């Protein structure tokens, strides 16, 4: 118990002090507020820019080059030998897409729905949604931890806890928890093959729960922070395939090319495009998750709290 509160924690301890805050706080506050975070990691850092192919003629071969806005770095598919006796044709002027949101519109183009809306969590207000000490008489509080992309286990838990109508599907779930407050304490990502399916199910139920007078609150875990920083060493190949099919394939089709992937330097483009600061799911999903919350006399947090 801390200052009159019970602490509910899942996974490994995490130091949470005024001098050393969890990486998730900085990562996701930057993602929503200024989108300026550059991960200090071995992963190649990059700026949001869309690479647009321009033809480059070298001898009698036709190649494509890519130039990134805001840096001198240039990528070329191939460069063959130099011939000083032949005058090289200069590349055409670079055509840039909107650097603020070059990918998100492509997920809804030629479609009757905004694909990203499936993953949108209800807006959260700090001081209100994360601090609910006063419960109604008989109001249920339910919590569960690491899902790690296991949609089957998630569904089993939600039905057992009487939060999910067992007759509904994962694609069209129905909240049956009434005014119950449910807290998911982080680590939906990595180690499993159905990470996006889990997020879609939870986000849909969260929107329904709020309308019913209840709540389904999602907290950050260390694996959400890792994904936001472009660190995917715990991701399953099947999980990466899910991102490719759900996110990447849609962008490829609507963009008419897969060359947008070059800006991610081969580091799981579909996954990183989703979770990077300012990314496809940064504001509508990650931006509405919480670091910790108080419900009744219990403090919920991923990994734990330490004194100081």
C-alpha atoms as a PDB file:
ATOM      1  CA  UNK A   1       0.000   0.000   0.000  1.00  0.00           C
ATOM      2  CA  UNK A   2       1.267   3.489  -0.874  1.00  0.00           C
ATOM      3  CA  UNK A   3      -0.263   6.496   0.880  1.00  0.00           C
ATOM      4  CA  UNK A   4      -3.557   4.740   1.383  1.00  0.00           C
ATOM      5  CA  UNK A   5      -3.624   3.123  -2.060  1.00  0.00           C
ATOM      6  CA  UNK A   6      -3.061  -0.433  -3.146  1.00  0.00           C
ATOM      7  CA  UNK A   7      -0.674  -0.768  -6.073  1.00  0.00           C
ATOM      8  CA  UNK A   8      -1.673  -3.193  -8.817  1.00  0.00           C
ATOM      9  CA  UNK A   9       1.297  -3.989 -11.011  1.00  0.00           C
ATOM     10  CA  UNK A  10       2.136  -6.475 -13.747  1.00  0.00           C
ATOM     11  CA  UNK A  11       5.451  -7.527 -15.306  1.00  0.00           C
ATOM     12  CA  UNK A  12       8.910  -6.491 -14.063  1.00  0.00           C
ATOM     13  CA  UNK A  13       9.625  -3.533 -11.672  1.00  0.00           C
ATOM     14  CA  UNK A  14      10.263  -0.195 -13.298  1.00  0.00           C
ATOM     15  CA  UNK A  15      11.833   2.761 -11.502  1.00  0.00           C
ATOM     16  CA  UNK A  16       9.433   5.689 -11.540  1.00  0.00           C
ATOM     17  CA  UNK A  17      11.088   8.725 -10.002  1.00  0.00           C
ATOM     18  CA  UNK A  18      11.067  12.451 -10.565  1.00  0.00           C
ATOM     19  CA  UNK A  19      14.622  12.305 -11.874  1.00  0.00           C
ATOM     20  CA  UNK A  20      14.231   9.220 -13.992  1.00  0.00           C
ATOM     21  CA  UNK A  21      10.808   8.889 -15.550  1.00  0.00           C
ATOM     22  CA  UNK A  22       9.877   5.864 -17.657  1.00  0.00           C
ATOM     23  CA  UNK A  23      10.734   6.071 -21.314  1.00  0.00           C
ATOM     24  CA  UNK A  24       7.063   5.758 -22.151  1.00  0.00           C
ATOM     25  CA  UNK A  25       6.292   9.169 -20.647  1.00  0.00           C
ATOM     26  CA  UNK A  26       8.762  10.988 -22.867  1.00  0.00           C
ATOM     27  CA  UNK A  27       8.068   8.882 -25.915  1.00  0.00           C
ATOM     28  CA  UNK A  28       4.335   9.228 -25.969  1.00  0.00           C
ATOM     29  CA  UNK A  29       4.105  12.814 -24.717  1.00  0.00           C
ATOM     30  CA  UNK A  30       6.409  13.757 -27.583  1.00  0.00           C
ATOM     31  CA  UNK A  31       4.338  11.675 -29.961  1.00  0.00           C
ATOM     32  CA  UNK A  32       1.225  13.660 -29.161  1.00  0.00           C
ATOM     33  CA  UNK A  33       2.534  17.102 -28.211  1.00  0.00           C
ATOM     34  CA  UNK A  34       5.349  17.967 -30.559  1.00  0.00           C
ATOM     35  CA  UNK A  35       6.167  14.766 -32.421  1.00  0.00           C
ATOM     36  CA  UNK A  36       9.841  15.686 -32.236  1.00  0.00           C
ATOM     37  CA  UNK A  37      11.249  12.647 -30.447  1.00  0.00           C
ATOM     38  CA  UNK A  38      14.251  11.049 -32.090  1.00  0.00           C
ATOM     39  CA  UNK A  39      15.067   7.688 -30.469  1.00  0.00           C
ATOM     40  CA  UNK A  40      18.540   7.507 -28.931  1.00  0.00           C
ATOM     41  CA  UNK A  41      19.155   3.968 -30.080  1.00  0.00           C
ATOM     42  CA  UNK A  42      21.239   2.030 -32.578  1.00  0.00           C
ATOM     43  CA  UNK A  43      18.240   2.085 -34.896  1.00  0.00           C
ATOM     44  CA  UNK A  44      18.798   4.600 -37.721  1.00  0.00           C
ATOM     45  CA  UNK A  45      16.944   7.768 -36.795  1.00  0.00           C
ATOM     46  CA  UNK A  46      14.984   9.507 -39.500  1.00  0.00           C
ATOM     47  CA  UNK A  47      12.707  12.420 -40.090  1.00  0.00           C
ATOM     48  CA  UNK A  48       9.185  12.180 -41.428  1.00  0.00           C
ATOM     49  CA  UNK A  49       9.440  12.692 -45.140  1.00  0.00           C
ATOM     50  CA  UNK A  50       8.059  10.836 -48.088  1.00  0.00           C
ATOM     51  CA  UNK A  51      10.509   9.636 -50.677  1.00  0.00           C
ATOM     52  CA  UNK A  52       9.251  10.199 -54.197  1.00  0.00           C
ATOM     53  CA  UNK A  53      10.922   8.353 -57.086  1.00  0.00           C
ATOM     54  CA  UNK A  54      12.529  10.423 -59.789  1.00  0.00           C
ATOM     55  CA  UNK A  55      14.119   8.939 -62.913  1.00  0.00           C
ATOM     56  CA  UNK A  56      17.903   9.077 -63.161  1.00  0.00           C
ATOM     57  CA  UNK A  57      19.544   8.260 -66.465  1.00  0.00           C
ATOM     58  CA  UNK A  58      23.006   6.745 -66.392  1.00  0.00           C
ATOM     59  CA  UNK A  59      24.355   5.452 -69.724  1.00  0.00           C
ATOM     60  CA  UNK A  60      21.564   3.505 -71.362  1.00  0.00           C
ATOM     61  CA  UNK A  61      20.072   2.234 -68.114  1.00  0.00           C
ATOM     62  CA  UNK A  62      17.018   3.656 -66.391  1.00  0.00           C
ATOM     63  CA  UNK A  63      17.107   3.725 -62.597  1.00  0.00           C
ATOM     64  CA  UNK A  64      15.214   5.424 -59.822  1.00  0.00           C
ATOM     65  CA  UNK A  65      16.685   7.656 -57.127  1.00  0.00           C
ATOM     66  CA  UNK A  66      15.224   8.867 -53.864  1.00  0.00           C
ATOM     67  CA  UNK A  67      16.067  12.045 -52.017  1.00  0.00           C
ATOM     68  CA  UNK A  68      15.062  12.772 -48.465  1.00  0.00           C
ATOM     69  CA  UNK A  69      13.919  16.268 -47.558  1.00  0.00           C
ATOM     70  CA  UNK A  70      15.855  17.968 -44.782  1.00  0.00           C
ATOM     71  CA  UNK A  71      19.065  15.921 -45.081  1.00  0.00           C
ATOM     72  CA  UNK A  72      21.827  15.410 -47.594  1.00  0.00           C
ATOM     73  CA  UNK A  73      21.369  11.646 -47.491  1.00  0.00           C
ATOM     74  CA  UNK A  74      20.330  10.185 -50.843  1.00  0.00           C
ATOM     75  CA  UNK A  75      19.365   6.654 -51.779  1.00  0.00           C
ATOM     76  CA  UNK A  76      19.873   5.285 -55.280  1.00  0.00           C
ATOM     77  CA  UNK A  77      18.739   1.908 -56.484  1.00  0.00           C
ATOM     78  CA  UNK A  78      22.015   1.476 -58.392  1.00  0.00           C
ATOM     79  CA  UNK A  79      24.800   3.600 -59.803  1.00  0.00           C
ATOM     80  CA  UNK A  80      26.840   2.257 -62.701  1.00  0.00           C
ATOM     81  CA  UNK A  81      30.260   3.471 -63.852  1.00  0.00           C
ATOM     82  CA  UNK A  82      31.075   7.015 -64.818  1.00  0.00           C
ATOM     83  CA  UNK A  83      31.597   7.986 -68.443  1.00  0.00           C
ATOM     84  CA  UNK A  84      33.050  11.464 -68.750  1.00  0.00           C
ATOM     85  CA  UNK A  85      32.563  11.411 -72.522  1.00  0.00           C
ATOM     86  CA  UNK A  86      28.809  11.247 -72.167  1.00  0.00           C
ATOM     87  CA  UNK A  87      26.824  14.023 -70.690  1.00  0.00           C
ATOM     88  CA  UNK A  88      24.627  12.801 -67.829  1.00  0.00           C
ATOM     89  CA  UNK A  89      21.037  13.856 -67.676  1.00  0.00           C
ATOM     90  CA  UNK A  90      20.181  15.727 -64.517  1.00  0.00           C
ATOM     91  CA  UNK A  91      17.434  14.283 -62.290  1.00  0.00           C
ATOM     92  CA  UNK A  92      14.083  15.996 -62.459  1.00  0.00           C
ATOM     93  CA  UNK A  93      13.076  18.314 -59.593  1.00  0.00           C
ATOM     94  CA  UNK A  94      11.928  16.380 -56.542  1.00  0.00           C
ATOM     95  CA  UNK A  95       8.194  16.276 -55.917  1.00  0.00           C
ATOM     96  CA  UNK A  96       7.406  16.104 -52.193  1.00  0.00           C
ATOM     97  CA  UNK A  97       4.237  14.933 -50.535  1.00  0.00           C
ATOM     98  CA  UNK A  98       2.903  16.610 -47.410  1.00  0.00           C
ATOM     99  CA  UNK A  99       5.584  15.777 -44.802  1.00  0.00           C
ATOM    100  CA  UNK A 100       3.129  16.165 -41.919  1.00  0.00           C
ATOM    101  CA  UNK A 101       0.832  13.328 -42.879  1.00  0.00           C
ATOM    102  CA  UNK A 102       1.978  11.523 -46.002  1.00  0.00           C
ATOM    103  CA  UNK A 103       0.759   8.047 -45.105  1.00  0.00           C
ATOM    104  CA  UNK A 104      -2.446   8.276 -43.059  1.00  0.00           C
ATOM    105  CA  UNK A 105      -4.684   9.493 -45.928  1.00  0.00           C
ATOM    106  CA  UNK A 106      -3.566   6.536 -48.014  1.00  0.00           C
ATOM    107  CA  UNK A 107      -5.270   4.128 -45.615  1.00  0.00           C
ATOM    108  CA  UNK A 108      -8.670   5.597 -46.396  1.00  0.00           C
ATOM    109  CA  UNK A 109      -8.305   6.473 -50.071  1.00  0.00           C
ATOM    110  CA  UNK A 110     -10.709   4.683 -52.403  1.00  0.00           C
ATOM    111  CA  UNK A 111     -12.502   3.344 -49.348  1.00  0.00           C
ATOM    112  CA  UNK A 112     -15.796   4.005 -47.604  1.00  0.00           C
ATOM    113  CA  UNK A 113     -14.181   3.939 -44.167  1.00  0.00           C
ATOM    114  CA  UNK A 114     -11.196   5.331 -42.328  1.00  0.00           C
ATOM    115  CA  UNK A 115      -9.230   2.202 -41.523  1.00  0.00           C
ATOM    116  CA  UNK A 116      -7.431   3.869 -38.603  1.00  0.00           C
ATOM    117  CA  UNK A 117     -10.729   4.605 -36.845  1.00  0.00           C
ATOM    118  CA  UNK A 118     -10.974   0.947 -35.789  1.00  0.00           C
ATOM    119  CA  UNK A 119      -8.045   1.540 -33.443  1.00  0.00           C
ATOM    120  CA  UNK A 120      -9.164   4.862 -32.000  1.00  0.00           C
ATOM    121  CA  UNK A 121      -9.499   4.978 -28.225  1.00  0.00           C
ATOM    122  CA  UNK A 122     -11.881   7.391 -26.473  1.00  0.00           C
ATOM    123  CA  UNK A 123     -10.138  10.671 -25.602  1.00  0.00           C
ATOM    124  CA  UNK A 124      -8.671  10.676 -22.102  1.00  0.00           C
ATOM    125  CA  UNK A 125      -8.308  13.669 -19.784  1.00  0.00           C
ATOM    126  CA  UNK A 126      -5.480  13.691 -17.261  1.00  0.00           C
ATOM    127  CA  UNK A 127      -6.868  14.291 -13.791  1.00  0.00           C
ATOM    128  CA  UNK A 128     -10.238  12.820 -14.697  1.00  0.00           C
ATOM    129  CA  UNK A 129      -9.918   9.531 -16.547  1.00  0.00           C
ATOM    130  CA  UNK A 130      -6.729   8.544 -14.740  1.00  0.00           C
ATOM    131  CA  UNK A 131      -8.038   9.513 -11.294  1.00  0.00           C
ATOM    132  CA  UNK A 132     -11.349   7.961 -10.280  1.00  0.00           C
ATOM    133  CA  UNK A 133     -11.198   7.418  -6.486  1.00  0.00           C
ATOM    134  CA  UNK A 134     -14.955   7.556  -5.987  1.00  0.00           C
ATOM    135  CA  UNK A 135     -16.812   4.503  -7.267  1.00  0.00           C
ATOM    136  CA  UNK A 136     -20.517   3.854  -7.374  1.00  0.00           C
ATOM    137  CA  UNK A 137     -21.857   1.344  -4.897  1.00  0.00           C
ATOM    138  CA  UNK A 138     -21.335  -2.138  -6.289  1.00  0.00           C
ATOM    139  CA  UNK A 139     -19.373  -0.914  -9.307  1.00  0.00           C
ATOM    140  CA  UNK A 140     -16.998  -3.600 -10.573  1.00  0.00           C
ATOM    141  CA  UNK A 141     -13.289  -3.023 -11.189  1.00  0.00           C
ATOM    142  CA  UNK A 142     -11.431  -5.540 -13.355  1.00  0.00           C
ATOM    143  CA  UNK A 143      -7.783  -5.529 -14.432  1.00  0.00           C
ATOM    144  CA  UNK A 144      -5.527  -7.696 -16.548  1.00  0.00           C
ATOM    145  CA  UNK A 145      -1.966  -7.487 -17.798  1.00  0.00           C
ATOM    146  CA  UNK A 146       0.240  -8.525 -20.673  1.00  0.00           C
ATOM    147  CA  UNK A 147      -1.621  -9.713 -23.766  1.00  0.00           C
ATOM    148  CA  UNK A 148       1.313  -9.839 -26.172  1.00  0.00           C
ATOM    149  CA  UNK A 149      -0.742 -10.330 -29.311  1.00  0.00           C
ATOM    150  CA  UNK A 150      -2.688 -13.383 -28.097  1.00  0.00           C
ATOM    151  CA  UNK A 151      -6.213 -12.681 -29.360  1.00  0.00           C
ATOM    152  CA  UNK A 152      -7.546 -16.049 -28.191  1.00  0.00           C
ATOM    153  CA  UNK A 153      -6.420 -15.516 -24.592  1.00  0.00           C
ATOM    154  CA  UNK A 154      -7.734 -11.946 -24.666  1.00  0.00           C
ATOM    155  CA  UNK A 155     -11.150 -13.054 -25.857  1.00  0.00           C
ATOM    156  CA  UNK A 156     -11.316 -15.824 -23.227  1.00  0.00           C
ATOM    157  CA  UNK A 157     -10.529 -13.374 -20.440  1.00  0.00           C
ATOM    158  CA  UNK A 158     -13.029 -10.756 -21.591  1.00  0.00           C
ATOM    159  CA  UNK A 159     -15.824 -13.333 -21.804  1.00  0.00           C
ATOM    160  CA  UNK A 160     -14.922 -14.834 -18.423  1.00  0.00           C
ATOM    161  CA  UNK A 161     -14.946 -11.354 -16.883  1.00  0.00           C
ATOM    162  CA  UNK A 162     -18.360 -10.736 -18.488  1.00  0.00           C
ATOM    163  CA  UNK A 163     -17.092  -7.781 -20.465  1.00  0.00           C
ATOM    164  CA  UNK A 164     -17.516  -9.228 -23.958  1.00  0.00           C
ATOM    165  CA  UNK A 165     -20.709 -10.694 -25.380  1.00  0.00           C
ATOM    166  CA  UNK A 166     -19.687 -14.282 -26.244  1.00  0.00           C
ATOM    167  CA  UNK A 167     -21.999 -14.205 -29.284  1.00  0.00           C
ATOM    168  CA  UNK A 168     -20.119 -11.280 -30.825  1.00  0.00           C
ATOM    169  CA  UNK A 169     -17.050 -11.594 -33.025  1.00  0.00           C
ATOM    170  CA  UNK A 170     -13.553 -10.189 -32.641  1.00  0.00           C
ATOM    171  CA  UNK A 171     -14.186  -7.926 -35.635  1.00  0.00           C
ATOM    172  CA  UNK A 172     -17.549  -6.680 -34.311  1.00  0.00           C
ATOM    173  CA  UNK A 173     -17.311  -7.096 -30.517  1.00  0.00           C
ATOM    174  CA  UNK A 174     -20.052  -6.029 -28.128  1.00  0.00           C
ATOM    175  CA  UNK A 175     -19.388  -4.657 -24.636  1.00  0.00           C
ATOM    176  CA  UNK A 176     -21.432  -6.452 -21.987  1.00  0.00           C
ATOM    177  CA  UNK A 177     -19.788  -4.978 -18.889  1.00  0.00           C
ATOM    178  CA  UNK A 178     -22.227  -2.148 -18.246  1.00  0.00           C
ATOM    179  CA  UNK A 179     -20.630   0.329 -15.790  1.00  0.00           C
ATOM    180  CA  UNK A 180     -17.642  -1.887 -15.056  1.00  0.00           C
ATOM    181  CA  UNK A 181     -14.242  -0.165 -15.082  1.00  0.00           C
ATOM    182  CA  UNK A 182     -11.621  -2.372 -16.714  1.00  0.00           C
ATOM    183  CA  UNK A 183      -7.901  -1.535 -16.740  1.00  0.00           C
ATOM    184  CA  UNK A 184      -5.506  -3.174 -19.191  1.00  0.00           C
ATOM    185  CA  UNK A 185      -2.054  -2.587 -17.728  1.00  0.00           C
ATOM    186  CA  UNK A 186       0.061  -2.558 -20.893  1.00  0.00           C
ATOM    187  CA  UNK A 187       2.107  -4.821 -23.160  1.00  0.00           C
ATOM    188  CA  UNK A 188      -0.439  -5.533 -25.851  1.00  0.00           C
ATOM    189  CA  UNK A 189       2.432  -5.535 -28.344  1.00  0.00           C
ATOM    190  CA  UNK A 190       5.175  -8.043 -29.269  1.00  0.00           C
ATOM    191  CA  UNK A 191       5.634 -11.807 -28.864  1.00  0.00           C
ATOM    192  CA  UNK A 192       2.313 -12.678 -30.554  1.00  0.00           C
ATOM    193  CA  UNK A 193       0.828 -12.770 -34.036  1.00  0.00           C
ATOM    194  CA  UNK A 194      -2.358 -10.723 -33.529  1.00  0.00           C
ATOM    195  CA  UNK A 195      -1.264  -7.420 -31.988  1.00  0.00           C
ATOM    196  CA  UNK A 196      -3.393  -5.179 -34.180  1.00  0.00           C
ATOM    197  CA  UNK A 197      -6.388  -7.498 -33.780  1.00  0.00           C
ATOM    198  CA  UNK A 198      -6.043  -7.184 -30.006  1.00  0.00           C
ATOM    199  CA  UNK A 199      -5.834  -3.398 -30.183  1.00  0.00           C
ATOM    200  CA  UNK A 200      -8.829  -3.231 -32.511  1.00  0.00           C
ATOM    201  CA  UNK A 201     -10.912  -5.389 -30.162  1.00  0.00           C
ATOM    202  CA  UNK A 202      -9.930  -3.359 -27.084  1.00  0.00           C
ATOM    203  CA  UNK A 203     -10.440   0.010 -28.788  1.00  0.00           C
ATOM    204  CA  UNK A 204     -13.905  -0.960 -30.013  1.00  0.00           C
ATOM    205  CA  UNK A 205     -14.944  -2.144 -26.549  1.00  0.00           C
ATOM    206  CA  UNK A 206     -13.462   0.989 -24.964  1.00  0.00           C
ATOM    207  CA  UNK A 207     -15.662   3.225 -27.110  1.00  0.00           C
ATOM    208  CA  UNK A 208     -18.744   1.156 -26.272  1.00  0.00           C
ATOM    209  CA  UNK A 209     -17.890   1.016 -22.561  1.00  0.00           C
ATOM    210  CA  UNK A 210     -17.722   4.786 -22.310  1.00  0.00           C
ATOM    211  CA  UNK A 211     -21.181   5.125 -23.847  1.00  0.00           C
ATOM    212  CA  UNK A 212     -22.513   2.550 -21.348  1.00  0.00           C
ATOM    213  CA  UNK A 213     -21.173   4.469 -18.352  1.00  0.00           C
ATOM    214  CA  UNK A 214     -18.191   2.178 -17.783  1.00  0.00           C
ATOM    215  CA  UNK A 215     -14.606   2.349 -18.958  1.00  0.00           C
ATOM    216  CA  UNK A 216     -11.860   0.279 -20.521  1.00  0.00           C
ATOM    217  CA  UNK A 217      -8.563   2.054 -19.863  1.00  0.00           C
ATOM    218  CA  UNK A 218      -5.313   1.055 -21.577  1.00  0.00           C
ATOM    219  CA  UNK A 219      -1.942   1.753 -19.956  1.00  0.00           C
ATOM    220  CA  UNK A 220       1.486   1.972 -21.559  1.00  0.00           C
ATOM    221  CA  UNK A 221       3.813  -0.977 -21.146  1.00  0.00           C
ATOM    222  CA  UNK A 222       7.509  -1.171 -21.908  1.00  0.00           C
ATOM    223  CA  UNK A 223       6.750  -2.954 -25.188  1.00  0.00           C
ATOM    224  CA  UNK A 224       4.632  -0.029 -26.404  1.00  0.00           C
ATOM    225  CA  UNK A 225       7.597   2.216 -25.610  1.00  0.00           C
ATOM    226  CA  UNK A 226      10.002  -0.078 -27.477  1.00  0.00           C
ATOM    227  CA  UNK A 227       7.815  -0.027 -30.583  1.00  0.00           C
ATOM    228  CA  UNK A 228       7.550   3.770 -30.493  1.00  0.00           C
ATOM    229  CA  UNK A 229      11.350   3.950 -30.489  1.00  0.00           C
ATOM    230  CA  UNK A 230      11.710   1.576 -33.440  1.00  0.00           C
ATOM    231  CA  UNK A 231      13.031  -1.324 -31.353  1.00  0.00           C
ATOM    232  CA  UNK A 232      11.343  -4.499 -32.576  1.00  0.00           C
ATOM    233  CA  UNK A 233      13.567  -7.274 -31.238  1.00  0.00           C
ATOM    234  CA  UNK A 234      10.635  -8.862 -29.392  1.00  0.00           C
ATOM    235  CA  UNK A 235       8.245  -8.837 -32.343  1.00  0.00           C
ATOM    236  CA  UNK A 236       7.205 -12.185 -33.810  1.00  0.00           C
ATOM    237  CA  UNK A 237       7.521 -12.765 -37.567  1.00  0.00           C
ATOM    238  CA  UNK A 238       3.782 -13.471 -37.567  1.00  0.00           C
ATOM    239  CA  UNK A 239       3.153 -10.123 -35.882  1.00  0.00           C
ATOM    240  CA  UNK A 240       5.214  -8.298 -38.477  1.00  0.00           C
ATOM    241  CA  UNK A 241       3.233 -10.081 -41.182  1.00  0.00           C
ATOM    242  CA  UNK A 242       0.004  -8.808 -39.596  1.00  0.00           C
ATOM    243  CA  UNK A 243       1.282  -5.226 -39.843  1.00  0.00           C
ATOM    244  CA  UNK A 244       2.302  -5.792 -43.455  1.00  0.00           C
ATOM    245  CA  UNK A 245      -1.126  -7.119 -44.406  1.00  0.00           C
ATOM    246  CA  UNK A 246      -3.174  -4.689 -42.311  1.00  0.00           C
ATOM    247  CA  UNK A 247      -1.194  -1.471 -42.743  1.00  0.00           C
ATOM    248  CA  UNK A 248       1.545  -1.861 -45.354  1.00  0.00           C
ATOM    249  CA  UNK A 249      -0.489  -3.555 -48.082  1.00  0.00           C
ATOM    250  CA  UNK A 250      -3.133  -0.817 -47.950  1.00  0.00           C
ATOM    251  CA  UNK A 251      -0.518   1.897 -48.341  1.00  0.00           C
ATOM    252  CA  UNK A 252       1.165   0.002 -51.187  1.00  0.00           C
ATOM    253  CA  UNK A 253      -2.125  -0.343 -53.044  1.00  0.00           C
ATOM    254  CA  UNK A 254      -3.367   3.224 -52.606  1.00  0.00           C
ATOM    255  CA  UNK A 255       0.044   4.778 -53.175  1.00  0.00           C
ATOM    256  CA  UNK A 256       0.668   2.572 -56.172  1.00  0.00           C
ATOM    257  CA  UNK A 257       4.165   1.818 -54.941  1.00  0.00           C
ATOM    258  CA  UNK A 258       6.053   0.391 -51.993  1.00  0.00           C
ATOM    259  CA  UNK A 259       8.795   3.002 -52.161  1.00  0.00           C
ATOM    260  CA  UNK A 260       7.466   4.844 -49.109  1.00  0.00           C
ATOM    261  CA  UNK A 261       9.162   2.053 -47.133  1.00  0.00           C
ATOM    262  CA  UNK A 262      12.661   3.340 -47.937  1.00  0.00           C
ATOM    263  CA  UNK A 263      12.438   6.093 -45.334  1.00  0.00           C
ATOM    264  CA  UNK A 264      12.303   3.409 -42.619  1.00  0.00           C
ATOM    265  CA  UNK A 265      15.716   1.971 -43.573  1.00  0.00           C
ATOM    266  CA  UNK A 266      14.477  -1.619 -43.712  1.00  0.00           C
ATOM    267  CA  UNK A 267      13.364  -1.594 -40.078  1.00  0.00           C
ATOM    268  CA  UNK A 268       9.819  -3.032 -40.255  1.00  0.00           C
ATOM    269  CA  UNK A 269       8.269  -0.088 -42.176  1.00  0.00           C
ATOM    270  CA  UNK A 270       4.618  -0.972 -41.531  1.00  0.00           C
ATOM    271  CA  UNK A 271       5.159  -1.416 -37.797  1.00  0.00           C
ATOM    272  CA  UNK A 272       7.296   1.671 -37.333  1.00  0.00           C
ATOM    273  CA  UNK A 273       5.003   3.814 -39.459  1.00  0.00           C
ATOM    274  CA  UNK A 274       2.235   2.874 -37.038  1.00  0.00           C
ATOM    275  CA  UNK A 275       3.935   3.573 -33.717  1.00  0.00           C
ATOM    276  CA  UNK A 276       6.654   6.161 -34.329  1.00  0.00           C
ATOM    277  CA  UNK A 277       6.057   9.582 -32.720  1.00  0.00           C
ATOM    278  CA  UNK A 278       3.524  11.266 -34.981  1.00  0.00           C
ATOM    279  CA  UNK A 279       2.816   7.923 -36.670  1.00  0.00           C
ATOM    280  CA  UNK A 280      -0.384   6.362 -37.952  1.00  0.00           C
ATOM    281  CA  UNK A 281      -1.565   5.143 -34.536  1.00  0.00           C
ATOM    282  CA  UNK A 282       0.320   7.605 -32.323  1.00  0.00           C
ATOM    283  CA  UNK A 283      -2.379  10.190 -31.753  1.00  0.00           C
ATOM    284  CA  UNK A 284      -5.668   8.315 -32.033  1.00  0.00           C
ATOM    285  CA  UNK A 285      -4.530   5.277 -30.025  1.00  0.00           C
ATOM    286  CA  UNK A 286      -1.242   5.703 -28.136  1.00  0.00           C
ATOM    287  CA  UNK A 287      -2.077   9.313 -27.331  1.00  0.00           C
ATOM    288  CA  UNK A 288      -5.185   8.210 -25.431  1.00  0.00           C
ATOM    289  CA  UNK A 289      -3.417   5.601 -23.314  1.00  0.00           C
ATOM    290  CA  UNK A 290      -2.299   6.305 -19.751  1.00  0.00           C
ATOM    291  CA  UNK A 291       0.937   5.799 -17.812  1.00  0.00           C
ATOM    292  CA  UNK A 292      -0.919   5.020 -14.565  1.00  0.00           C
ATOM    293  CA  UNK A 293      -4.378   5.446 -13.106  1.00  0.00           C
ATOM    294  CA  UNK A 294      -6.194   5.412  -9.787  1.00  0.00           C
ATOM    295  CA  UNK A 295      -9.510   3.575  -9.605  1.00  0.00           C
ATOM    296  CA  UNK A 296     -11.091   3.430  -6.176  1.00  0.00           C
ATOM    297  CA  UNK A 297      -8.276   2.741  -3.701  1.00  0.00           C
ATOM    298  CA  UNK A 298      -6.035   0.977  -6.226  1.00  0.00           C
ATOM    299  CA  UNK A 299      -3.184   2.401  -8.292  1.00  0.00           C
ATOM    300  CA  UNK A 300      -2.736   0.601 -11.605  1.00  0.00           C
ATOM    301  CA  UNK A 301       0.576   0.795 -13.473  1.00  0.00           C
ATOM    302  CA  UNK A 302       2.723  -1.393 -15.674  1.00  0.00           C
ATOM    303  CA  UNK A 303       5.808  -2.868 -13.969  1.00  0.00           C
ATOM    304  CA  UNK A 304       5.413  -1.105 -10.635  1.00  0.00           C
ATOM    305  CA  UNK A 305       6.202   1.991  -8.603  1.00  0.00           C
ATOM    306  CA  UNK A 306       9.146   2.598  -6.298  1.00  0.00           C
ATOM    307  CA  UNK A 307       9.566   5.157  -3.553  1.00  0.00           C
ATOM    308  CA  UNK A 308      11.205   8.453  -4.421  1.00  0.00           C
END
